[in-house]
C-alpha atoms as a PDB file:
ATOM      1  CA  MET A   1     104.996 106.842 117.161  1.00  0.00           C
ATOM      2  CA  PRO A   2     106.010 103.713 115.093  1.00  0.00           C
ATOM      3  CA  GLU A   3     105.679 100.399 116.933  1.00  0.00           C
ATOM      4  CA  GLY A   4     108.124  97.619 117.218  1.00  0.00           C
ATOM      5  CA  ASP A   5     106.884  95.835 114.061  1.00  0.00           C
ATOM      6  CA  THR A   6     107.351  98.996 111.934  1.00  0.00           C
ATOM      7  CA  VAL A   7     110.800  99.507 113.270  1.00  0.00           C
ATOM      8  CA  TRP A   8     111.754  95.812 112.661  1.00  0.00           C
ATOM      9  CA  ARG A   9     110.570  96.144 109.048  1.00  0.00           C
ATOM     10  CA  THR A  10     112.568  99.298 108.750  1.00  0.00           C
ATOM     11  CA  ALA A  11     115.654  97.666 110.042  1.00  0.00           C
ATOM     12  CA  ARG A  12     115.191  94.747 107.596  1.00  0.00           C
ATOM     13  CA  ARG A  13     114.774  97.035 104.581  1.00  0.00           C
ATOM     14  CA  LEU A  14     118.007  98.913 105.559  1.00  0.00           C
ATOM     15  CA  HIS A  15     119.722  95.589 106.108  1.00  0.00           C
ATOM     16  CA  GLN A  16     118.820  94.279 102.710  1.00  0.00           C
ATOM     17  CA  ALA A  17     120.059  97.453 101.069  1.00  0.00           C
ATOM     18  CA  LEU A  18     123.270  98.161 102.983  1.00  0.00           C
ATOM     19  CA  ALA A  19     124.614  94.985 104.649  1.00  0.00           C
ATOM     20  CA  GLY A  20     127.847  93.597 103.199  1.00  0.00           C
ATOM     21  CA  ARG A  21     128.347  96.871 101.190  1.00  0.00           C
ATOM     22  CA  GLU A  22     130.906  99.766 101.622  1.00  0.00           C
ATOM     23  CA  LEU A  23     129.612 103.150 102.454  1.00  0.00           C
ATOM     24  CA  THR A  24     131.070 105.354  99.759  1.00  0.00           C
ATOM     25  CA  SER A  25     129.804 108.510 101.638  1.00  0.00           C
ATOM     26  CA  SER A  26     127.759 109.599 104.554  1.00  0.00           C
ATOM     27  CA  ASP A  27     126.066 112.936 105.485  1.00  0.00           C
ATOM     28  CA  LEU A  28     124.930 113.030 109.048  1.00  0.00           C
ATOM     29  CA  ARG A  29     123.036 116.175 109.702  1.00  0.00           C
ATOM     30  CA  TRP A  30     122.969 116.096 113.475  1.00  0.00           C
ATOM     31  CA  PRO A  31     124.748 118.704 115.573  1.00  0.00           C
ATOM     32  CA  SER A  32     127.101 116.252 117.460  1.00  0.00           C
ATOM     33  CA  LEU A  33     127.800 114.203 114.234  1.00  0.00           C
ATOM     34  CA  ALA A  34     128.115 116.854 111.615  1.00  0.00           C
ATOM     35  CA  ALA A  35     131.801 116.217 111.184  1.00  0.00           C
ATOM     36  CA  VAL A  36     131.655 112.433 111.021  1.00  0.00           C
ATOM     37  CA  ASP A  37     132.499 110.584 107.914  1.00  0.00           C
ATOM     38  CA  LEU A  38     131.654 107.023 107.668  1.00  0.00           C
ATOM     39  CA  GLY A  39     132.853 106.679 104.075  1.00  0.00           C
ATOM     40  CA  GLY A  40     134.964 103.630 103.587  1.00  0.00           C
ATOM     41  CA  ARG A  41     133.155 101.606 106.269  1.00  0.00           C
ATOM     42  CA  HIS A  42     131.458  98.384 105.529  1.00  0.00           C
ATOM     43  CA  VAL A  43     128.042  97.793 106.955  1.00  0.00           C
ATOM     44  CA  ARG A  44     127.852  94.495 108.746  1.00  0.00           C
ATOM     45  CA  GLU A  45     124.115  94.386 109.667  1.00  0.00           C
ATOM     46  CA  VAL A  46     121.181  96.503 110.535  1.00  0.00           C
ATOM     47  CA  VAL A  47     118.958  95.272 113.274  1.00  0.00           C
ATOM     48  CA  SER A  48     116.127  96.522 115.478  1.00  0.00           C
ATOM     49  CA  ALA A  49     116.059  96.702 119.237  1.00  0.00           C
ATOM     50  CA  GLY A  50     112.469  97.450 120.358  1.00  0.00           C
ATOM     51  CA  LYS A  51     111.832 100.887 118.776  1.00  0.00           C
ATOM     52  CA  HIS A  52     115.538 101.523 118.073  1.00  0.00           C
ATOM     53  CA  VAL A  53     117.554 100.935 114.807  1.00  0.00           C
ATOM     54  CA  LEU A  54     121.235  99.822 115.206  1.00  0.00           C
ATOM     55  CA  LEU A  55     123.346  99.981 111.946  1.00  0.00           C
ATOM     56  CA  ARG A  56     126.635  98.208 112.743  1.00  0.00           C
ATOM     57  CA  THR A  57     129.767  98.813 110.722  1.00  0.00           C
ATOM     58  CA  ALA A  58     132.889  96.703 110.671  1.00  0.00           C
ATOM     59  CA  ALA A  59     136.318  97.998 111.870  1.00  0.00           C
ATOM     60  CA  ALA A  60     137.983 100.362 109.596  1.00  0.00           C
ATOM     61  CA  GLU A  61     140.847  98.711 107.639  1.00  0.00           C
ATOM     62  CA  GLY A  62     144.293 100.251 107.205  1.00  0.00           C
ATOM     63  CA  GLY A  63     143.420 103.720 108.633  1.00  0.00           C
ATOM     64  CA  GLY A  64     141.119 104.396 105.578  1.00  0.00           C
ATOM     65  CA  PRO A  65     138.415 106.986 105.338  1.00  0.00           C
ATOM     66  CA  GLY A  66     136.219 105.372 107.854  1.00  0.00           C
ATOM     67  CA  ALA A  67     138.960 105.743 110.611  1.00  0.00           C
ATOM     68  CA  GLY A  68     139.392 109.455 109.708  1.00  0.00           C
ATOM     69  CA  ARG A  69     138.187 112.636 111.408  1.00  0.00           C
ATOM     70  CA  GLY A  70     139.039 111.233 114.743  1.00  0.00           C
ATOM     71  CA  LEU A  71     136.892 108.030 114.564  1.00  0.00           C
ATOM     72  CA  PRO A  72     138.232 104.921 116.292  1.00  0.00           C
ATOM     73  CA  PRO A  73     139.121 102.063 113.987  1.00  0.00           C
ATOM     74  CA  GLU A  74     136.992  99.625 116.061  1.00  0.00           C
ATOM     75  CA  PRO A  75     133.433  98.539 114.931  1.00  0.00           C
ATOM     76  CA  LEU A  76     130.919 101.430 115.304  1.00  0.00           C
ATOM     77  CA  THR A  77     127.123 101.551 115.613  1.00  0.00           C
ATOM     78  CA  LEU A  78     124.893 104.311 114.191  1.00  0.00           C
ATOM     79  CA  HIS A  79     121.907 104.294 116.421  1.00  0.00           C
ATOM     80  CA  SER A  80     118.571 105.926 115.452  1.00  0.00           C
ATOM     81  CA  HIS A  81     115.120 106.392 116.979  1.00  0.00           C
ATOM     82  CA  LEU A  82     112.136 107.293 114.820  1.00  0.00           C
ATOM     83  CA  ARG A  83     110.250 109.009 117.816  1.00  0.00           C
ATOM     84  CA  MET A  84     106.884 110.343 116.402  1.00  0.00           C
ATOM     85  CA  GLU A  85     107.619 111.238 112.790  1.00  0.00           C
ATOM     86  CA  GLY A  86     110.974 109.674 111.755  1.00  0.00           C
ATOM     87  CA  SER A  87     111.452 107.259 108.880  1.00  0.00           C
ATOM     88  CA  TRP A  88     114.172 105.649 106.715  1.00  0.00           C
ATOM     89  CA  HIS A  89     113.729 105.346 103.116  1.00  0.00           C
ATOM     90  CA  VAL A  90     115.923 103.581 100.427  1.00  0.00           C
ATOM     91  CA  HIS A  91     116.436 104.374  96.759  1.00  0.00           C
ATOM     92  CA  ARG A  92     118.900 103.567  94.051  1.00  0.00           C
ATOM     93  CA  THR A  93     121.999 105.709  94.171  1.00  0.00           C
ATOM     94  CA  GLY A  94     121.950 108.374  91.633  1.00  0.00           C
ATOM     95  CA  GLU A  95     118.331 108.287  91.035  1.00  0.00           C
ATOM     96  CA  PRO A  96     116.146 111.204  92.027  1.00  0.00           C
ATOM     97  CA  TRP A  97     114.631 110.924  95.503  1.00  0.00           C
ATOM     98  CA  ALA A  98     110.980 110.515  94.520  1.00  0.00           C
ATOM     99  CA  THR A  99     109.245 111.582  97.585  1.00  0.00           C
ATOM    100  CA  ARG A 100     107.124 114.484  98.989  1.00  0.00           C
ATOM    101  CA  ARG A 101     109.072 114.588 102.131  1.00  0.00           C
ATOM    102  CA  SER A 102     110.873 117.916 102.609  1.00  0.00           C
ATOM    103  CA  ALA A 103     114.631 118.139 102.153  1.00  0.00           C
ATOM    104  CA  HIS A 104     115.108 120.179 105.249  1.00  0.00           C
ATOM    105  CA  GLY A 105     113.901 117.219 107.310  1.00  0.00           C
ATOM    106  CA  VAL A 106     116.722 115.010 106.182  1.00  0.00           C
ATOM    107  CA  ARG A 107     118.849 113.945 109.116  1.00  0.00           C
ATOM    108  CA  ALA A 108     121.098 111.296 107.538  1.00  0.00           C
ATOM    109  CA  VAL A 109     122.191 110.098 104.092  1.00  0.00           C
ATOM    110  CA  LEU A 110     124.125 106.770 103.791  1.00  0.00           C
ATOM    111  CA  THR A 111     125.330 105.998 100.368  1.00  0.00           C
ATOM    112  CA  THR A 112     126.704 102.819  98.700  1.00  0.00           C
ATOM    113  CA  SER A 113     127.480 102.177  95.025  1.00  0.00           C
ATOM    114  CA  GLU A 114     123.971 100.641  94.602  1.00  0.00           C
ATOM    115  CA  TRP A 115     121.690 102.080  97.234  1.00  0.00           C
ATOM    116  CA  THR A 116     121.232 105.186  99.304  1.00  0.00           C
ATOM    117  CA  ALA A 117     119.484 105.206 102.660  1.00  0.00           C
ATOM    118  CA  VAL A 118     117.845 108.604 103.806  1.00  0.00           C
ATOM    119  CA  GLY A 119     116.786 109.239 107.456  1.00  0.00           C
ATOM    120  CA  HIS A 120     114.001 111.814 107.661  1.00  0.00           C
ATOM    121  CA  LEU A 121     112.942 113.603 110.810  1.00  0.00           C
ATOM    122  CA  LEU A 122     114.840 111.046 113.050  1.00  0.00           C
ATOM    123  CA  GLY A 123     114.189 111.639 116.608  1.00  0.00           C
ATOM    124  CA  MET A 124     117.631 110.421 117.751  1.00  0.00           C
ATOM    125  CA  LEU A 125     120.916 109.805 116.071  1.00  0.00           C
ATOM    126  CA  ASP A 126     124.122 108.598 117.810  1.00  0.00           C
ATOM    127  CA  LEU A 127     127.349 107.022 116.965  1.00  0.00           C
ATOM    128  CA  VAL A 128     128.955 104.754 119.539  1.00  0.00           C
ATOM    129  CA  PRO A 129     131.535 101.800 119.464  1.00  0.00           C
ATOM    130  CA  THR A 130     129.456  98.604 118.928  1.00  0.00           C
ATOM    131  CA  ALA A 131     130.748  97.189 122.139  1.00  0.00           C
ATOM    132  CA  GLN A 132     129.088 100.090 124.012  1.00  0.00           C
ATOM    133  CA  GLU A 133     125.637  99.836 122.546  1.00  0.00           C
ATOM    134  CA  ASP A 134     124.252  99.120 125.995  1.00  0.00           C
ATOM    135  CA  ARG A 135     124.706 102.778 126.777  1.00  0.00           C
ATOM    136  CA  LEU A 136     121.828 103.318 124.283  1.00  0.00           C
ATOM    137  CA  VAL A 137     119.538 100.146 124.506  1.00  0.00           C
ATOM    138  CA  GLY A 138     120.708  98.365 127.594  1.00  0.00           C
ATOM    139  CA  HIS A 139     117.803  99.574 129.582  1.00  0.00           C
ATOM    140  CA  LEU A 140     115.305  97.871 127.321  1.00  0.00           C
ATOM    141  CA  GLY A 141     113.224  94.988 128.517  1.00  0.00           C
ATOM    142  CA  PRO A 142     112.825  91.751 126.424  1.00  0.00           C
ATOM    143  CA  ASP A 143     112.437  92.720 122.700  1.00  0.00           C
ATOM    144  CA  LEU A 144     109.126  91.229 121.370  1.00  0.00           C
ATOM    145  CA  LEU A 145     110.691  90.787 117.896  1.00  0.00           C
ATOM    146  CA  GLY A 146     114.207  90.098 118.986  1.00  0.00           C
ATOM    147  CA  PRO A 147     116.144  86.821 118.495  1.00  0.00           C
ATOM    148  CA  GLY A 148     116.517  86.435 122.251  1.00  0.00           C
ATOM    149  CA  TRP A 149     112.775  87.058 123.165  1.00  0.00           C
ATOM    150  CA  ASN A 150     112.243  85.964 126.758  1.00  0.00           C
ATOM    151  CA  ALA A 151     108.573  85.711 127.556  1.00  0.00           C
ATOM    152  CA  ALA A 152     109.124  84.734 131.236  1.00  0.00           C
ATOM    153  CA  GLU A 153     111.382  87.705 131.865  1.00  0.00           C
ATOM    154  CA  ALA A 154     108.722  89.992 130.267  1.00  0.00           C
ATOM    155  CA  VAL A 155     106.133  88.589 132.521  1.00  0.00           C
ATOM    156  CA  ARG A 156     108.264  89.067 135.521  1.00  0.00           C
ATOM    157  CA  ARG A 157     108.904  92.640 134.675  1.00  0.00           C
ATOM    158  CA  LEU A 158     105.238  93.255 133.875  1.00  0.00           C
ATOM    159  CA  THR A 159     104.120  91.984 137.287  1.00  0.00           C
ATOM    160  CA  ALA A 160     106.804  93.469 139.407  1.00  0.00           C
ATOM    161  CA  ASP A 161     104.595  96.477 140.417  1.00  0.00           C
ATOM    162  CA  PRO A 162     101.054  95.053 140.843  1.00  0.00           C
ATOM    163  CA  ALA A 163      99.680  98.491 141.639  1.00  0.00           C
ATOM    164  CA  ARG A 164     100.791 100.084 138.307  1.00  0.00           C
ATOM    165  CA  GLU A 165      98.272 100.757 135.624  1.00  0.00           C
ATOM    166  CA  VAL A 166      98.569  97.975 132.925  1.00  0.00           C
ATOM    167  CA  GLY A 167      98.451 100.351 130.108  1.00  0.00           C
ATOM    168  CA  ARG A 168     101.428 102.394 131.436  1.00  0.00           C
ATOM    169  CA  ALA A 169     103.335  99.284 132.247  1.00  0.00           C
ATOM    170  CA  LEU A 170     102.954  97.995 128.682  1.00  0.00           C
ATOM    171  CA  LEU A 171     104.216 101.299 127.219  1.00  0.00           C
ATOM    172  CA  ASP A 172     107.281 101.250 129.445  1.00  0.00           C
ATOM    173  CA  GLN A 173     110.078  99.974 127.185  1.00  0.00           C
ATOM    174  CA  ARG A 174     111.944  98.800 130.393  1.00  0.00           C
ATOM    175  CA  VAL A 175     109.211  96.113 130.772  1.00  0.00           C
ATOM    176  CA  LEU A 176     109.089  94.811 127.203  1.00  0.00           C
ATOM    177  CA  ALA A 177     110.389  96.568 124.137  1.00  0.00           C
ATOM    178  CA  GLY A 178     108.277  97.372 121.154  1.00  0.00           C
ATOM    179  CA  VAL A 179     104.831  98.261 122.427  1.00  0.00           C
ATOM    180  CA  GLY A 180     103.200 101.549 121.554  1.00  0.00           C
ATOM    181  CA  THR A 181      99.636 102.938 122.070  1.00  0.00           C
ATOM    182  CA  LEU A 182      98.206 100.959 119.206  1.00  0.00           C
ATOM    183  CA  TYR A 183      99.213  97.406 120.525  1.00  0.00           C
ATOM    184  CA  MET A 184      98.526  98.506 124.025  1.00  0.00           C
ATOM    185  CA  ALA A 185      94.967  99.417 123.362  1.00  0.00           C
ATOM    186  CA  GLU A 186      94.351  96.412 121.007  1.00  0.00           C
ATOM    187  CA  SER A 187      95.776  93.756 123.292  1.00  0.00           C
ATOM    188  CA  LEU A 188      93.896  95.040 126.291  1.00  0.00           C
ATOM    189  CA  PHE A 189      90.688  95.020 124.336  1.00  0.00           C
ATOM    190  CA  LEU A 190      91.250  91.424 123.356  1.00  0.00           C
ATOM    191  CA  VAL A 191      91.824  90.346 126.935  1.00  0.00           C
ATOM    192  CA  ARG A 192      88.710  92.567 127.999  1.00  0.00           C
ATOM    193  CA  THR A 193      90.751  94.692 130.456  1.00  0.00           C
ATOM    194  CA  THR A 194      90.906  98.621 130.518  1.00  0.00           C
ATOM    195  CA  PRO A 195      94.261 100.303 130.296  1.00  0.00           C
ATOM    196  CA  TRP A 196      93.665 101.841 133.861  1.00  0.00           C
ATOM    197  CA  THR A 197      93.471  98.413 135.517  1.00  0.00           C
ATOM    198  CA  PRO A 198      96.135  97.622 138.019  1.00  0.00           C
ATOM    199  CA  VAL A 199      98.534  94.965 136.808  1.00  0.00           C
ATOM    200  CA  GLY A 200      97.774  92.932 139.935  1.00  0.00           C
ATOM    201  CA  GLU A 201      94.119  92.423 138.845  1.00  0.00           C
ATOM    202  CA  LEU A 202      95.127  90.951 135.442  1.00  0.00           C
ATOM    203  CA  ALA A 203      93.613  87.509 135.039  1.00  0.00           C
ATOM    204  CA  ASP A 204      96.570  85.948 133.178  1.00  0.00           C
ATOM    205  CA  PRO A 205      99.660  88.238 132.650  1.00  0.00           C
ATOM    206  CA  ALA A 206     101.448  85.488 130.717  1.00  0.00           C
ATOM    207  CA  ALA A 207      98.571  85.256 128.157  1.00  0.00           C
ATOM    208  CA  LEU A 208      98.694  88.978 127.621  1.00  0.00           C
ATOM    209  CA  VAL A 209     102.509  88.930 126.943  1.00  0.00           C
ATOM    210  CA  ALA A 210     101.949  86.031 124.549  1.00  0.00           C
ATOM    211  CA  LEU A 211      99.157  87.902 122.786  1.00  0.00           C
ATOM    212  CA  LEU A 212     101.406  90.966 122.256  1.00  0.00           C
ATOM    213  CA  HIS A 213     104.217  88.720 120.870  1.00  0.00           C
ATOM    214  CA  LYS A 214     101.696  87.117 118.446  1.00  0.00           C
ATOM    215  CA  LEU A 215     100.286  90.549 117.365  1.00  0.00           C
ATOM    216  CA  LEU A 216     103.600  92.128 116.499  1.00  0.00           C
ATOM    217  CA  ASP A 217     105.023  88.872 114.947  1.00  0.00           C
ATOM    218  CA  THR A 218     101.928  88.513 112.677  1.00  0.00           C
ATOM    219  CA  ASN A 219     102.048  92.168 111.586  1.00  0.00           C
ATOM    220  CA  LYS A 220     105.960  92.546 111.172  1.00  0.00           C
ATOM    221  CA  ASP A 221     105.781  91.451 107.430  1.00  0.00           C
ATOM    222  CA  ARG A 222     103.018  93.717 106.259  1.00  0.00           C
ATOM    223  CA  ALA A 223     102.650  97.421 106.052  1.00  0.00           C
ATOM    224  CA  GLU A 224      99.325  97.714 107.576  1.00  0.00           C
ATOM    225  CA  GLN A 225      98.842  96.644 111.188  1.00  0.00           C
ATOM    226  CA  ILE A 226      95.731  94.428 111.521  1.00  0.00           C
ATOM    227  CA  THR A 227      94.424  93.169 114.843  1.00  0.00           C
ATOM    228  CA  THR A 228      90.892  92.103 113.907  1.00  0.00           C
ATOM    229  CA  GLY A 229      91.774  89.794 111.040  1.00  0.00           C
ATOM    230  CA  ASP A 230      89.532  92.020 108.871  1.00  0.00           C
ATOM    231  CA  LEU A 231      91.322  93.693 105.907  1.00  0.00           C
ATOM    232  CA  ARG A 232      88.512  96.064 105.110  1.00  0.00           C
ATOM    233  CA  ARG A 233      88.854  99.806 105.616  1.00  0.00           C
ATOM    234  CA  ASP A 234      87.879 100.983 109.064  1.00  0.00           C
ATOM    235  CA  ARG A 235      87.612  97.375 110.316  1.00  0.00           C
ATOM    236  CA  GLN A 236      91.201  96.673 110.904  1.00  0.00           C
ATOM    237  CA  HIS A 237      91.479  97.671 114.613  1.00  0.00           C
ATOM    238  CA  TRP A 238      89.072  96.918 117.487  1.00  0.00           C
ATOM    239  CA  VAL A 239      89.387 100.269 119.394  1.00  0.00           C
ATOM    240  CA  HIS A 240      92.560 102.187 118.474  1.00  0.00           C
ATOM    241  CA  ALA A 241      91.708 105.524 116.739  1.00  0.00           C
ATOM    242  CA  ARG A 242      88.039 104.595 116.799  1.00  0.00           C
ATOM    243  CA  SER A 243      86.781 106.944 119.409  1.00  0.00           C
ATOM    244  CA  GLY A 244      83.267 107.866 118.979  1.00  0.00           C
ATOM    245  CA  ARG A 245      82.537 104.981 116.713  1.00  0.00           C
ATOM    246  CA  ALA A 246      80.633 101.740 117.458  1.00  0.00           C
ATOM    247  CA  CYS A 247      82.565  98.850 118.956  1.00  0.00           C
ATOM    248  CA  LEU A 248      82.898  96.126 116.274  1.00  0.00           C
ATOM    249  CA  ARG A 249      82.053  93.611 118.912  1.00  0.00           C
ATOM    250  CA  CYS A 250      79.311  95.082 121.119  1.00  0.00           C
ATOM    251  CA  ARG A 251      78.254  98.196 119.273  1.00  0.00           C
ATOM    252  CA  ALA A 252      78.999 100.351 122.410  1.00  0.00           C
ATOM    253  CA  THR A 253      80.709 103.679 121.665  1.00  0.00           C
ATOM    254  CA  VAL A 254      84.499 103.417 121.707  1.00  0.00           C
ATOM    255  CA  ARG A 255      86.001 106.031 124.101  1.00  0.00           C
ATOM    256  CA  VAL A 256      89.459 107.743 124.329  1.00  0.00           C
ATOM    257  CA  ALA A 257      91.081 109.222 127.577  1.00  0.00           C
ATOM    258  CA  ARG A 258      94.357 110.240 128.930  1.00  0.00           C
ATOM    259  CA  LEU A 259      96.708 107.603 130.453  1.00  0.00           C
ATOM    260  CA  GLY A 260      99.385 108.697 132.811  1.00  0.00           C
ATOM    261  CA  GLU A 261     100.372 112.194 133.993  1.00  0.00           C
ATOM    262  CA  PRO A 262     101.583 115.166 131.998  1.00  0.00           C
ATOM    263  CA  PRO A 263     103.935 115.595 130.308  1.00  0.00           C
ATOM    264  CA  THR A 264     104.355 111.846 129.592  1.00  0.00           C
ATOM    265  CA  ASP A 265     100.708 111.087 129.365  1.00  0.00           C
ATOM    266  CA  ARG A 266      99.358 109.276 126.364  1.00  0.00           C
ATOM    267  CA  VAL A 267      95.940 108.552 124.804  1.00  0.00           C
ATOM    268  CA  ALA A 268      94.327 105.169 125.447  1.00  0.00           C
ATOM    269  CA  PHE A 269      91.201 103.837 123.509  1.00  0.00           C
ATOM    270  CA  TYR A 270      88.724 101.387 125.067  1.00  0.00           C
ATOM    271  CA  CYS A 271      85.264 100.064 124.797  1.00  0.00           C
ATOM    272  CA  PRO A 272      83.215 100.458 128.099  1.00  0.00           C
ATOM    273  CA  GLY A 273      81.057  97.686 126.957  1.00  0.00           C
ATOM    274  CA  CYS A 274      83.696  94.955 126.372  1.00  0.00           C
ATOM    275  CA  GLN A 275      86.458  95.949 128.776  1.00  0.00           C
ATOM    276  CA  ARG A 276      86.235  95.615 132.538  1.00  0.00           C
ATOM    277  CA  GLY A 277      88.232  97.416 135.195  1.00  0.00           C
ATOM    278  CA  ALA A 278      89.161 100.868 136.287  1.00  0.00           C
ATOM    279  CA  ALA A 279      88.490 103.708 133.823  1.00  0.00           C
ATOM    280  CA  PRO A 280      88.504 107.494 133.963  1.00  0.00           C
ATOM    281  CA  THR A 281      85.281 109.318 134.731  1.00  0.00           C
ATOM    282  CA  ASP A 282      83.380 109.584 131.447  1.00  0.00           C
ATOM    283  CA  ASP A 283      80.689 112.150 131.077  1.00  0.00           C
ATOM    284  CA  GLY A 284      79.542 110.649 127.877  1.00  0.00           C
ATOM    285  CA  ARG A 285      79.943 113.755 125.727  1.00  0.00           C
ATOM    286  CA  PRO A 286      80.512 113.139 121.982  1.00  0.00           C
ATOM    287  CA  GLN A 287      84.013 112.294 120.712  1.00  0.00           C
ATOM    288  CA  ALA A 288      85.015 112.390 117.069  1.00  0.00           C
ATOM    289  CA  PRO A 289      87.507 109.715 115.985  1.00  0.00           C
ATOM    290  CA  LEU A 290      91.154 110.505 116.673  1.00  0.00           C
ATOM    291  CA  GLY A 291      92.593 112.627 113.956  1.00  0.00           C
ATOM    292  CA  HIS A 292      89.090 113.538 112.722  1.00  0.00           C
ATOM    293  CA  ALA A 293      88.995 116.996 111.133  1.00  0.00           C
ATOM    294  CA  ARG A 294      85.798 118.048 112.759  1.00  0.00           C
ATOM    295  CA  ARG A 295      85.847 119.172 116.396  1.00  0.00           C
ATOM    296  CA  VAL A 296      82.914 118.229 118.535  1.00  0.00           C
ATOM    297  CA  ALA A 297      81.843 121.155 120.706  1.00  0.00           C
ATOM    298  CA  GLY A 298      82.748 120.818 124.352  1.00  0.00           C
ATOM    299  CA  ARG A 299      85.072 117.839 124.173  1.00  0.00           C
ATOM    300  CA  PRO A 300      88.957 117.689 124.424  1.00  0.00           C
ATOM    301  CA  ARG A 301      90.835 117.263 121.185  1.00  0.00           C
ATOM    302  CA  TYR A 302      92.472 113.843 121.449  1.00  0.00           C
ATOM    303  CA  ARG A 303      94.732 113.735 118.411  1.00  0.00           C
END
């Protein structure tokens, strides 16, 4: 699932292409929005909220096309969430869509005279009055990349349940918005704590929150997420997706195990040599790296 920095960059790209321009047409291929026509609406801005994208339009003027088909004339927000496989892409209007992505995966097409934005395999798509955005994102904790970032509130929410596993707490978007499995694993490696450690046993929760903010802020302007400072292939992450490989710091074998309970469990990577705290029972059987094509006999497939 894309993390907060990827979603922030997506929103910025859409903002640069669409903000201040009129939508000449829209095609929302979503059951509840199939009859919606946003043509005639002006895009005010596109922003991210954690892992959510909010495209805000101005009020429709004079009952134009943007107010048709039962839409209220007030400002509206088109909300999308990428979930696991979603993405937004921008190309010049009228030019072929040069991509290998399947046409049947298109969920939204927003067109201006200059640019066209295509939403592919979006996990969520909603249209609400802008004044009611809280219905969709009001539950989120402080946004690590938001203009109103509040580190103290993030620490308060993180430490509210001392018995909770810290990995699960970091993935809870109600605690702080924007963290996924990559930054959860990498930040906990850097503070030498396993994802299964209770929050109450963290040495310095404020330092962990500050580290997460630094990691996402550093990576938001580049396509590749790098947490080690090393740009070389296979050396960009400390533990994430490195199960079965040697730790870049201590040379112990990086492990991966489940975090949480089905059906909401996630995978968590960690180094048993560098990280201290609670960890699942590990029988030491070989693990191929996450996503590796070869399956090692007798081990779960963590993909």
